């Protein structure tokens, strides 16, 4: 096979015909010919910087003939060499802190899992209060970070090429603390959470390394404090008691899903946090932005009083032993009298 298609014919069309030929070879039991064809297809894609297909064809070599080690090694060397060439000196300089920490294999896995996005002026990439599962790298352009507080929007910071955004929601399950908007035409690369979860099968330390490089989004909270904005506008007190929560389905707020047992941790005039255990990280991640019904009982004046609240999940933090903490913003704040009573009960514990 000559890997370079005619100038008038796109590479994908040529590959489609080769895939049909590969299927015929496999059906005929011609394993050696299939290995040779797969190797050629993988090399062709690598040299055209189509690394997604190159990796896929390389992986198929294992499935077709796991003993064809010479061919597999040769193909892998070509793919890795082409990936190294694609990471230009300019890109390496801009993202030097990634290359300083990541191994060659991790860097290749990370950078070639990125997708590209172009923002026009005044277009949002992150929106305050909304979930986000992408880690963004800014390649070009300027963006502003704003935060809405007490019905007023404040400019928090401006960022540009060589900086990252989205860490606070990518490495933990939270809604966005601020809105990020393009000040000019901007080009970004981004890694999707689902893609990282797949890469971690081969590179289990990659997430920890990325978190070390990018941080956890603490810088946004620091910028807010520098502007005199306290996201925790109300005092919180620890109040531990058993509770239950249920997810309110979006199509029918009066319908509840299965009740889950949890432990209330702290509470304020406008929100609360609690702990619970789950074996399903994906189900927990889907809680962000959802409305919950919360129920717990307090002893007031010697009598049991049941408290029923609704609120929106603004963040979820993972902890050891399959435990998660959930941060809930109440739909309706406690009255001053009610929160004083709750604080008094908390102090008596």
Protein backbone atom coordinates (compact mmCIF):
# COMPACT_ATOMS: atom_id res chain seq x y z
CA UNK A 1 0.00 0.00 0.00
CA UNK A 2 1.25 3.49 -0.83
CA UNK A 3 0.23 5.52 2.17
CA UNK A 4 0.01 8.89 0.42
CA UNK A 5 -3.41 9.27 -1.22
CA UNK A 6 -3.96 11.18 -4.47
CA UNK A 7 -4.02 14.94 -4.01
CA UNK A 8 -7.69 15.04 -5.01
CA UNK A 9 -8.68 12.33 -2.53
CA UNK A 10 -8.76 12.86 1.26
CA UNK A 11 -6.81 10.49 3.47
CA UNK A 12 -9.99 9.31 5.21
CA UNK A 13 -11.38 7.92 1.91
CA UNK A 14 -8.17 5.99 1.31
CA UNK A 15 -8.25 4.63 4.86
CA UNK A 16 -11.86 3.53 4.48
CA UNK A 17 -10.93 1.40 1.49
CA UNK A 18 -7.99 -0.03 3.41
CA UNK A 19 -10.26 -0.85 6.34
CA UNK A 20 -12.51 -2.80 3.98
CA UNK A 21 -9.44 -4.64 2.69
CA UNK A 22 -8.33 -5.34 6.27
CA UNK A 23 -11.70 -6.88 7.05
CA UNK A 24 -11.38 -9.18 4.03
CA UNK A 25 -7.89 -10.28 5.09
CA UNK A 26 -9.08 -11.10 8.61
CA UNK A 27 -12.08 -13.01 7.36
CA UNK A 28 -9.77 -15.03 5.08
CA UNK A 29 -7.43 -15.78 8.01
CA UNK A 30 -4.50 -13.97 6.35
CA UNK A 31 -3.04 -12.71 9.63
CA UNK A 32 0.42 -11.75 8.37
CA UNK A 33 -1.02 -9.63 5.56
CA UNK A 34 -3.44 -8.03 8.05
CA UNK A 35 -0.56 -7.15 10.40
CA UNK A 36 1.37 -5.61 7.52
CA UNK A 37 -1.63 -3.55 6.40
CA UNK A 38 -2.43 -2.36 9.92
CA UNK A 39 1.20 -1.30 10.39
CA UNK A 40 1.10 0.72 7.18
CA UNK A 41 -2.20 2.36 8.17
CA UNK A 42 -0.86 3.28 11.62
CA UNK A 43 2.33 4.77 10.16
CA UNK A 44 0.38 6.69 7.52
CA UNK A 45 -1.87 8.25 10.17
CA UNK A 46 1.05 9.08 12.49
CA UNK A 47 2.93 10.89 9.72
CA UNK A 48 -0.22 12.89 8.99
CA UNK A 49 -0.59 13.74 12.70
CA UNK A 50 -3.82 11.77 12.99
CA UNK A 51 -2.69 10.23 16.24
CA UNK A 52 -6.12 9.08 17.36
CA UNK A 53 -6.35 6.69 14.41
CA UNK A 54 -2.65 5.82 14.58
CA UNK A 55 -3.05 4.69 18.20
CA UNK A 56 -6.22 2.80 17.32
CA UNK A 57 -4.53 0.85 14.49
CA UNK A 58 -1.52 0.16 16.71
CA UNK A 59 -3.84 -1.27 19.35
CA UNK A 60 -5.54 -3.43 16.74
CA UNK A 61 -2.18 -5.05 16.03
CA UNK A 62 -2.28 -6.56 19.52
CA UNK A 63 -5.76 -7.95 18.86
CA UNK A 64 -4.89 -9.39 15.44
CA UNK A 65 -1.58 -10.97 16.48
CA UNK A 66 -0.21 -10.31 19.96
CA UNK A 67 2.96 -12.18 18.98
CA UNK A 68 3.82 -9.76 16.15
CA UNK A 69 6.11 -7.92 18.55
CA UNK A 70 8.56 -6.70 15.91
CA UNK A 71 5.80 -4.97 13.96
CA UNK A 72 4.16 -3.59 17.10
CA UNK A 73 7.42 -2.14 18.43
CA UNK A 74 8.31 -0.63 15.05
CA UNK A 75 4.91 1.03 14.69
CA UNK A 76 5.02 2.34 18.24
CA UNK A 77 8.46 3.89 17.63
CA UNK A 78 7.15 5.73 14.57
CA UNK A 79 4.08 7.02 16.43
CA UNK A 80 6.11 8.26 19.39
CA UNK A 81 8.68 9.90 17.09
CA UNK A 82 5.96 11.70 15.11
CA UNK A 83 4.30 12.84 18.32
CA UNK A 84 7.60 14.24 19.55
CA UNK A 85 8.02 16.17 16.27
CA UNK A 86 4.47 17.53 16.53
CA UNK A 87 5.27 19.05 19.93
CA UNK A 88 7.10 22.05 18.45
CA UNK A 89 9.75 24.05 20.33
CA UNK A 90 7.28 26.94 20.74
CA UNK A 91 4.71 24.64 22.32
CA UNK A 92 7.35 23.11 24.58
CA UNK A 93 8.44 26.55 25.73
CA UNK A 94 4.90 27.74 26.41
CA UNK A 95 3.99 24.61 28.39
CA UNK A 96 7.45 23.92 29.84
CA UNK A 97 6.04 23.27 33.31
CA UNK A 98 4.11 20.29 31.92
CA UNK A 99 7.18 18.82 30.20
CA UNK A 100 9.25 19.35 33.35
CA UNK A 101 6.93 17.12 35.41
CA UNK A 102 5.41 14.64 32.95
CA UNK A 103 7.32 11.69 31.53
CA UNK A 104 7.63 11.53 27.74
CA UNK A 105 4.85 8.94 27.57
CA UNK A 106 2.57 10.98 29.88
CA UNK A 107 3.23 14.19 27.95
CA UNK A 108 2.37 12.50 24.65
CA UNK A 109 -0.78 10.95 26.12
CA UNK A 110 -1.86 14.30 27.56
CA UNK A 111 -1.12 16.68 24.68
CA UNK A 112 -2.51 14.40 22.01
CA UNK A 113 -5.73 13.87 23.95
CA UNK A 114 -6.41 17.62 23.82
CA UNK A 115 -9.09 19.10 21.57
CA UNK A 116 -9.04 22.61 20.15
CA UNK A 117 -11.53 25.44 20.64
CA UNK A 118 -11.65 29.00 19.29
CA UNK A 119 -13.49 31.71 21.22
CA UNK A 120 -14.75 34.93 19.68
CA UNK A 121 -14.71 38.21 21.62
CA UNK A 122 -17.20 38.25 24.54
CA UNK A 123 -17.83 34.49 24.26
CA UNK A 124 -17.90 32.63 27.59
CA UNK A 125 -15.90 29.46 28.11
CA UNK A 126 -16.89 29.00 31.78
CA UNK A 127 -20.05 30.31 33.44
CA UNK A 128 -20.42 30.95 37.16
CA UNK A 129 -22.72 28.43 38.83
CA UNK A 130 -22.53 25.94 35.96
CA UNK A 131 -20.69 22.57 36.02
CA UNK A 132 -17.55 22.04 33.94
CA UNK A 133 -15.55 18.89 33.20
CA UNK A 134 -12.75 20.35 31.07
CA UNK A 135 -9.23 21.52 31.84
CA UNK A 136 -8.34 24.41 29.51
CA UNK A 137 -4.92 25.53 28.26
CA UNK A 138 -4.82 29.03 26.75
CA UNK A 139 -2.69 29.09 23.60
CA UNK A 140 -3.55 32.57 22.34
CA UNK A 141 -5.64 35.57 23.37
CA UNK A 142 -6.78 37.29 26.55
CA UNK A 143 -9.67 36.31 28.83
CA UNK A 144 -11.32 38.02 31.78
CA UNK A 145 -12.53 36.38 34.96
CA UNK A 146 -15.62 37.92 36.54
CA UNK A 147 -17.66 37.04 39.61
CA UNK A 148 -21.26 38.01 40.33
CA UNK A 149 -21.84 38.86 43.98
CA UNK A 150 -24.95 40.46 45.46
CA UNK A 151 -26.29 41.23 41.95
CA UNK A 152 -23.07 43.03 40.97
CA UNK A 153 -20.43 41.74 38.58
CA UNK A 154 -16.79 42.31 39.52
CA UNK A 155 -13.69 41.90 37.36
CA UNK A 156 -11.45 39.48 39.27
CA UNK A 157 -8.48 38.95 36.97
CA UNK A 158 -7.30 38.74 33.36
CA UNK A 159 -5.34 35.77 31.99
CA UNK A 160 -3.62 34.94 28.72
CA UNK A 161 -1.44 32.53 26.75
CA UNK A 162 0.39 29.95 28.81
CA UNK A 163 -2.18 29.87 31.64
CA UNK A 164 -4.76 27.23 32.55
CA UNK A 165 -8.38 27.52 33.68
CA UNK A 166 -11.04 25.12 34.92
CA UNK A 167 -8.89 23.41 37.55
CA UNK A 168 -11.38 24.07 40.36
CA UNK A 169 -14.08 22.02 38.61
CA UNK A 170 -11.87 19.54 36.73
CA UNK A 171 -10.02 18.01 39.69
CA UNK A 172 -13.02 18.13 42.02
CA UNK A 173 -16.74 18.10 41.37
CA UNK A 174 -17.89 21.70 41.71
CA UNK A 175 -19.78 24.33 39.79
CA UNK A 176 -17.75 27.21 38.37
CA UNK A 177 -16.82 29.89 40.90
CA UNK A 178 -16.51 32.57 38.21
CA UNK A 179 -17.31 33.35 34.59
CA UNK A 180 -14.43 33.36 32.07
CA UNK A 181 -14.96 35.42 28.90
CA UNK A 182 -12.78 36.12 25.86
CA UNK A 183 -11.53 39.71 25.63
CA UNK A 184 -10.29 39.03 22.11
CA UNK A 185 -10.29 36.11 19.72
CA UNK A 186 -8.71 33.28 21.71
CA UNK A 187 -7.48 29.78 20.97
CA UNK A 188 -7.64 27.12 23.66
CA UNK A 189 -6.92 23.43 24.04
CA UNK A 190 -8.91 21.34 26.48
CA UNK A 191 -8.87 17.91 28.08
CA UNK A 192 -12.19 16.26 28.86
CA UNK A 193 -12.68 14.50 32.18
CA UNK A 194 -13.85 11.32 30.44
CA UNK A 195 -10.73 11.31 28.27
CA UNK A 196 -8.45 11.62 31.30
CA UNK A 197 -10.23 8.71 32.98
CA UNK A 198 -9.40 6.59 29.92
CA UNK A 199 -5.75 7.68 29.79
CA UNK A 200 -5.29 6.86 33.48
CA UNK A 201 -5.64 3.15 32.70
CA UNK A 202 -2.17 3.26 31.13
CA UNK A 203 -0.83 6.25 33.07
CA UNK A 204 -2.30 6.02 36.60
CA UNK A 205 -0.16 8.88 37.96
CA UNK A 206 -1.12 11.37 35.25
CA UNK A 207 -3.97 13.04 37.15
CA UNK A 208 -1.82 13.57 40.24
CA UNK A 209 0.93 15.06 38.07
CA UNK A 210 -1.52 17.38 36.29
CA UNK A 211 -2.95 18.50 39.60
CA UNK A 212 0.58 19.28 40.82
CA UNK A 213 1.23 21.36 37.69
CA UNK A 214 -2.11 23.20 37.48
CA UNK A 215 -3.18 23.34 41.12
CA UNK A 216 -6.77 22.88 42.25
CA UNK A 217 -8.13 26.32 41.38
CA UNK A 218 -7.13 27.87 44.70
CA UNK A 219 -5.89 30.92 42.78
CA UNK A 220 -9.48 31.97 41.98
CA UNK A 221 -10.38 32.03 45.68
CA UNK A 222 -7.22 34.07 46.35
CA UNK A 223 -8.18 36.56 43.64
CA UNK A 224 -11.67 36.84 45.14
CA UNK A 225 -10.23 37.59 48.57
CA UNK A 226 -7.91 40.21 47.07
CA UNK A 227 -11.04 41.92 45.70
CA UNK A 228 -12.68 41.77 49.12
CA UNK A 229 -15.24 39.16 48.07
CA UNK A 230 -16.01 36.41 50.57
CA UNK A 231 -17.93 33.53 48.97
CA UNK A 232 -18.94 32.45 52.45
CA UNK A 233 -20.98 35.53 53.23
CA UNK A 234 -22.55 33.89 56.29
CA UNK A 235 -21.05 32.25 59.35
CA UNK A 236 -20.96 28.45 59.38
CA UNK A 237 -21.10 26.23 62.43
CA UNK A 238 -20.53 22.52 62.82
CA UNK A 239 -23.75 20.60 63.42
CA UNK A 240 -23.44 16.84 63.12
CA UNK A 241 -26.53 14.68 62.93
CA UNK A 242 -27.94 11.90 60.78
CA UNK A 243 -29.90 13.05 57.74
CA UNK A 244 -31.24 11.85 54.40
CA UNK A 245 -31.21 13.46 50.98
CA UNK A 246 -33.05 12.74 47.76
CA UNK A 247 -32.56 14.01 44.22
CA UNK A 248 -35.49 16.01 42.91
CA UNK A 249 -36.02 15.06 39.28
CA UNK A 250 -35.85 18.11 36.98
CA UNK A 251 -39.06 17.29 35.09
CA UNK A 252 -41.19 16.93 38.21
CA UNK A 253 -39.92 18.64 41.38
CA UNK A 254 -42.48 16.82 43.55
CA UNK A 255 -41.08 13.39 42.57
CA UNK A 256 -38.17 12.07 44.60
CA UNK A 257 -35.57 9.45 43.78
CA UNK A 258 -34.29 6.93 46.34
CA UNK A 259 -33.47 8.36 49.76
CA UNK A 260 -29.76 8.27 50.74
CA UNK A 261 -28.47 8.26 54.33
CA UNK A 262 -25.83 10.91 55.09
CA UNK A 263 -24.37 12.92 57.95
CA UNK A 264 -24.86 16.65 58.27
CA UNK A 265 -21.53 18.41 58.87
CA UNK A 266 -22.02 22.18 58.98
CA UNK A 267 -24.72 24.73 58.32
CA UNK A 268 -25.19 28.44 57.66
CA UNK A 269 -28.02 30.84 56.89
CA UNK A 270 -27.83 30.00 53.18
CA UNK A 271 -26.33 26.52 52.91
CA UNK A 272 -25.03 23.33 54.45
CA UNK A 273 -22.61 20.49 53.80
CA UNK A 274 -22.88 16.79 54.51
CA UNK A 275 -20.99 13.52 54.04
CA UNK A 276 -22.11 10.27 52.46
CA UNK A 277 -20.59 7.16 50.92
CA UNK A 278 -20.92 5.93 47.34
CA UNK A 279 -19.26 3.34 45.12
CA UNK A 280 -20.20 5.27 41.97
CA UNK A 281 -18.05 8.36 41.25
CA UNK A 282 -20.04 9.02 38.07
CA UNK A 283 -23.33 9.14 39.97
CA UNK A 284 -21.78 11.52 42.49
CA UNK A 285 -20.41 13.74 39.71
CA UNK A 286 -23.93 14.03 38.28
CA UNK A 287 -25.16 15.57 41.55
CA UNK A 288 -23.53 18.92 40.73
CA UNK A 289 -26.19 21.41 39.69
CA UNK A 290 -29.03 19.11 40.79
CA UNK A 291 -31.71 20.05 43.32
CA UNK A 292 -31.82 17.95 46.48
CA UNK A 293 -34.41 17.50 49.18
CA UNK A 294 -32.79 17.25 52.62
CA UNK A 295 -34.37 15.99 55.85
CA UNK A 296 -33.02 15.86 59.40
CA UNK A 297 -34.36 16.18 62.95
CA UNK A 298 -33.36 18.63 65.70
CA UNK A 299 -34.41 18.73 69.33
CA UNK A 300 -35.83 22.19 70.06
CA UNK A 301 -37.25 22.94 73.50
CA UNK A 302 -37.32 19.26 74.36
CA UNK A 303 -39.35 18.42 71.27
CA UNK A 304 -38.26 16.73 68.03
CA UNK A 305 -38.59 19.07 65.07
CA UNK A 306 -38.19 17.73 61.55
CA UNK A 307 -36.36 20.05 59.15
CA UNK A 308 -37.05 19.73 55.42
CA UNK A 309 -35.00 21.83 52.99
CA UNK A 310 -34.28 22.04 49.28
CA UNK A 311 -31.12 23.32 47.66
CA UNK A 312 -28.77 23.14 44.68
CA UNK A 313 -25.49 21.20 44.80
CA UNK A 314 -22.61 23.62 44.19
CA UNK A 315 -19.75 21.26 44.89
CA UNK A 316 -18.69 17.73 45.76
CA UNK A 317 -15.31 16.76 47.22
CA UNK A 318 -14.00 13.21 47.24
CA UNK A 319 -12.38 11.71 50.34
CA UNK A 320 -10.77 8.34 51.19
CA UNK A 321 -12.87 5.18 51.57
CA UNK A 322 -15.48 6.15 48.95
CA UNK A 323 -16.69 9.11 51.01
CA UNK A 324 -17.86 12.42 49.54
CA UNK A 325 -18.76 15.80 51.00
CA UNK A 326 -21.56 17.74 49.32
CA UNK A 327 -21.99 21.52 49.49
CA UNK A 328 -25.58 22.65 49.10
CA UNK A 329 -26.89 26.18 48.56
CA UNK A 330 -30.41 26.49 49.94
CA UNK A 331 -33.28 27.58 47.73
CA UNK A 332 -34.57 29.71 50.62
CA UNK A 333 -32.35 31.09 53.39
CA UNK A 334 -33.13 30.42 57.03
CA UNK A 335 -34.80 33.30 58.86
CA UNK A 336 -32.62 35.15 61.37
CA UNK A 337 -34.59 33.60 64.24
CA UNK A 338 -34.25 30.07 62.85
CA UNK A 339 -30.50 30.28 62.25
CA UNK A 340 -29.95 31.73 65.75
CA UNK A 341 -31.76 28.71 67.18
CA UNK A 342 -29.68 26.32 65.07
CA UNK A 343 -26.44 28.02 66.14
CA UNK A 344 -27.50 27.77 69.79
CA UNK A 345 -28.17 24.03 69.38
CA UNK A 346 -24.79 23.57 67.70
CA UNK A 347 -23.03 25.27 70.61
CA UNK A 348 -24.75 22.90 73.07
CA UNK A 349 -23.36 19.78 71.37
